């Protein structure tokens, strides 16, 4: 009897998963009125940045998240021209990107376009600069180090999946330093003193 109940539970669970998957597929296939676009992000924290960008990366809207948990946001995208746009949530260590297509005042989310970009982690400890980044796309990463607003080192890394770099700075050169990491069409910086 217990075996039959378990099998029934497994079948119910599998059907529920199948129906949920089918409903998600419909979300990508249906078009929405551009005045009522609903976007949902899970696990958001207060202070994170939500933005809307066009296909060239030009930021059209930006706001700081004021709540925690699930973020449900409605957008009126009717003033925008036909084309591809992204809605991005900038978290502490990653960026979640959802792409959508606007055509004739209707919006449809682009299937399989949601992606996650991992930001580089930039730290300094005394005279060491530590940089790490997960780079699934293996896109080029450029690292530039500044001392008093003057470039003291720069390199471009290509084809690395896991980026791990440690730079040793001269202990005798006290003052303001800055590191900028350029990757994924973004730049990330860290300023510090030694």
Protein backbone atom coordinates (compact mmCIF):
# COMPACT_ATOMS: atom_id res chain seq x y z
CA UNK A 1 0.00 0.00 0.00
CA UNK A 2 2.85 2.39 0.82
CA UNK A 3 4.45 1.68 -2.56
CA UNK A 4 1.25 2.63 -4.39
CA UNK A 5 0.95 5.91 -2.44
CA UNK A 6 4.57 6.77 -3.24
CA UNK A 7 4.03 6.05 -6.92
CA UNK A 8 0.90 8.20 -6.95
CA UNK A 9 2.82 11.02 -5.24
CA UNK A 10 5.64 10.72 -7.77
CA UNK A 11 3.18 10.81 -10.68
CA UNK A 12 1.37 13.85 -9.20
CA UNK A 13 4.69 15.62 -8.64
CA UNK A 14 5.83 14.86 -12.21
CA UNK A 15 2.51 16.09 -13.66
CA UNK A 16 2.75 19.27 -11.60
CA UNK A 17 6.28 19.85 -12.88
CA UNK A 18 5.15 19.18 -16.46
CA UNK A 19 2.21 21.62 -16.19
CA UNK A 20 4.45 24.25 -14.60
CA UNK A 21 6.95 23.84 -17.44
CA UNK A 22 4.14 24.12 -19.99
CA UNK A 23 2.90 27.33 -18.33
CA UNK A 24 6.41 28.79 -18.45
CA UNK A 25 6.62 27.94 -22.16
CA UNK A 26 3.38 29.88 -22.73
CA UNK A 27 4.90 32.96 -21.07
CA UNK A 28 7.58 33.05 -23.74
CA UNK A 29 5.19 32.46 -26.62
CA UNK A 30 2.54 35.00 -25.71
CA UNK A 31 2.74 38.72 -26.31
CA UNK A 32 1.89 41.28 -23.68
CA UNK A 33 0.56 44.80 -24.07
CA UNK A 34 3.61 47.10 -23.76
CA UNK A 35 1.78 49.18 -21.13
CA UNK A 36 1.51 46.23 -18.71
CA UNK A 37 4.82 44.36 -18.69
CA UNK A 38 5.32 42.34 -15.51
CA UNK A 39 8.84 41.28 -14.52
CA UNK A 40 9.66 39.04 -11.56
CA UNK A 41 13.02 38.55 -9.85
CA UNK A 42 13.55 36.24 -6.88
CA UNK A 43 15.88 36.67 -3.93
CA UNK A 44 16.42 40.41 -4.26
CA UNK A 45 17.90 42.54 -1.51
CA UNK A 46 17.42 46.15 -0.60
CA UNK A 47 19.95 48.37 -2.36
CA UNK A 48 20.36 46.28 -5.51
CA UNK A 49 20.05 48.05 -8.86
CA UNK A 50 17.30 47.39 -11.43
CA UNK A 51 17.77 48.82 -14.92
CA UNK A 52 16.32 48.74 -18.44
CA UNK A 53 18.75 48.99 -21.38
CA UNK A 54 18.44 49.09 -25.14
CA UNK A 55 20.36 46.82 -27.53
CA UNK A 56 23.36 49.18 -27.46
CA UNK A 57 23.60 49.05 -23.66
CA UNK A 58 22.21 52.58 -23.23
CA UNK A 59 20.45 52.77 -19.85
CA UNK A 60 16.84 53.94 -20.21
CA UNK A 61 15.69 53.42 -16.62
CA UNK A 62 17.41 52.76 -13.33
CA UNK A 63 16.21 52.40 -9.77
CA UNK A 64 17.42 51.07 -6.44
CA UNK A 65 15.46 48.15 -5.01
CA UNK A 66 13.74 49.16 -1.78
CA UNK A 67 12.49 45.77 -0.58
CA UNK A 68 13.74 42.26 0.03
CA UNK A 69 12.49 38.89 -1.23
CA UNK A 70 10.58 38.59 -4.49
CA UNK A 71 10.50 41.68 -6.68
CA UNK A 72 7.45 42.12 -8.93
CA UNK A 73 7.71 45.16 -11.13
CA UNK A 74 5.35 46.51 -13.79
CA UNK A 75 6.71 48.59 -16.67
CA UNK A 76 5.03 50.73 -19.29
CA UNK A 77 7.29 50.16 -22.30
CA UNK A 78 4.86 51.63 -24.85
CA UNK A 79 7.01 54.74 -25.53
CA UNK A 80 9.92 52.55 -26.72
CA UNK A 81 10.65 51.78 -30.38
CA UNK A 82 10.57 48.27 -31.82
CA UNK A 83 13.66 46.29 -30.85
CA UNK A 84 15.38 44.14 -28.24
CA UNK A 85 15.75 45.43 -24.67
CA UNK A 86 17.10 43.99 -21.43
CA UNK A 87 15.95 44.26 -17.86
CA UNK A 88 18.86 43.76 -15.48
CA UNK A 89 19.10 43.16 -11.77
CA UNK A 90 22.56 43.99 -10.42
CA UNK A 91 23.19 41.90 -7.32
CA UNK A 92 26.32 41.89 -5.17
CA UNK A 93 28.25 39.27 -7.15
CA UNK A 94 26.16 38.75 -10.28
CA UNK A 95 23.85 40.38 -12.81
CA UNK A 96 20.60 38.66 -13.82
CA UNK A 97 19.51 39.69 -17.33
CA UNK A 98 16.13 39.12 -18.99
CA UNK A 99 15.70 40.03 -22.67
CA UNK A 100 12.49 41.06 -24.36
CA UNK A 101 11.34 42.06 -27.81
CA UNK A 102 9.08 45.04 -28.46
CA UNK A 103 7.19 44.97 -31.74
CA UNK A 104 4.17 47.12 -32.63
CA UNK A 105 3.45 48.04 -28.99
CA UNK A 106 3.51 44.39 -27.90
CA UNK A 107 6.19 42.74 -25.77
CA UNK A 108 7.35 39.13 -25.69
CA UNK A 109 10.10 37.71 -23.53
CA UNK A 110 12.82 36.02 -25.56
CA UNK A 111 12.94 32.32 -24.75
CA UNK A 112 16.22 31.04 -23.24
CA UNK A 113 17.61 34.58 -23.08
CA UNK A 114 17.80 34.89 -19.29
CA UNK A 115 21.42 34.82 -18.31
CA UNK A 116 23.63 35.41 -15.32
CA UNK A 117 26.90 37.28 -15.49
CA UNK A 118 29.23 36.83 -12.55
CA UNK A 119 30.94 40.03 -11.48
CA UNK A 120 34.64 40.00 -10.68
CA UNK A 121 35.62 40.06 -7.03
CA UNK A 122 38.28 42.70 -6.40
CA UNK A 123 39.98 42.84 -3.00
CA UNK A 124 43.12 44.33 -1.58
CA UNK A 125 45.10 43.16 1.42
CA UNK A 126 48.01 45.37 2.41
CA UNK A 127 50.06 45.66 -0.81
CA UNK A 128 48.29 42.81 -2.65
CA UNK A 129 45.43 43.12 -5.15
CA UNK A 130 43.38 39.93 -5.55
CA UNK A 131 41.01 39.53 -8.49
CA UNK A 132 38.82 36.51 -9.26
CA UNK A 133 36.03 35.95 -11.73
CA UNK A 134 34.00 33.07 -13.15
CA UNK A 135 34.02 33.60 -16.93
CA UNK A 136 31.71 30.97 -18.50
CA UNK A 137 31.66 32.76 -21.87
CA UNK A 138 35.47 33.01 -21.85
CA UNK A 139 35.22 36.59 -23.07
CA UNK A 140 38.30 38.82 -22.82
CA UNK A 141 38.89 40.49 -19.46
CA UNK A 142 41.02 43.62 -19.19
CA UNK A 143 42.59 44.61 -15.88
CA UNK A 144 44.11 48.05 -15.35
CA UNK A 145 45.90 49.23 -12.19
CA UNK A 146 46.32 52.93 -11.39
CA UNK A 147 48.55 54.71 -8.90
CA UNK A 148 47.60 58.36 -8.34
CA UNK A 149 45.46 58.31 -11.53
CA UNK A 150 48.35 57.03 -13.66
CA UNK A 151 48.29 53.57 -15.28
CA UNK A 152 50.99 51.38 -13.73
CA UNK A 153 49.91 48.04 -15.20
CA UNK A 154 47.40 46.70 -17.70
CA UNK A 155 46.73 43.29 -19.22
CA UNK A 156 44.03 41.57 -21.24
CA UNK A 157 43.24 37.94 -20.49
CA UNK A 158 41.56 35.76 -23.10
CA UNK A 159 39.87 32.37 -22.96
CA UNK A 160 40.08 31.78 -19.21
CA UNK A 161 37.16 30.09 -17.48
CA UNK A 162 38.35 30.83 -13.93
CA UNK A 163 40.24 34.05 -13.55
CA UNK A 164 42.51 34.28 -10.49
CA UNK A 165 45.11 37.01 -10.30
CA UNK A 166 47.27 38.41 -7.51
CA UNK A 167 49.25 41.62 -8.04
CA UNK A 168 51.94 42.73 -5.60
CA UNK A 169 52.31 46.51 -5.25
CA UNK A 170 55.46 48.27 -4.11
CA UNK A 171 55.16 48.83 -0.33
CA UNK A 172 57.16 52.02 -0.65
CA UNK A 173 54.65 53.67 -3.01
CA UNK A 174 52.08 54.89 -0.48
CA UNK A 175 48.94 56.59 -1.71
CA UNK A 176 45.77 56.14 -3.75
CA UNK A 177 45.31 53.09 -5.98
CA UNK A 178 42.50 52.05 -8.27
CA UNK A 179 41.75 48.81 -10.11
CA UNK A 180 39.34 48.61 -13.04
CA UNK A 181 38.22 45.30 -14.51
CA UNK A 182 36.52 45.51 -17.92
CA UNK A 183 34.42 42.50 -18.87
CA UNK A 184 30.96 41.58 -20.20
CA UNK A 185 30.50 45.13 -21.58
CA UNK A 186 30.76 46.52 -18.04
CA UNK A 187 33.50 47.99 -15.86
CA UNK A 188 34.05 47.24 -12.17
CA UNK A 189 36.38 49.25 -9.98
CA UNK A 190 37.88 49.27 -6.52
CA UNK A 191 39.74 52.20 -4.94
CA UNK A 192 42.03 51.84 -1.92
CA UNK A 193 45.12 53.24 -0.19
CA UNK A 194 48.30 51.64 1.02
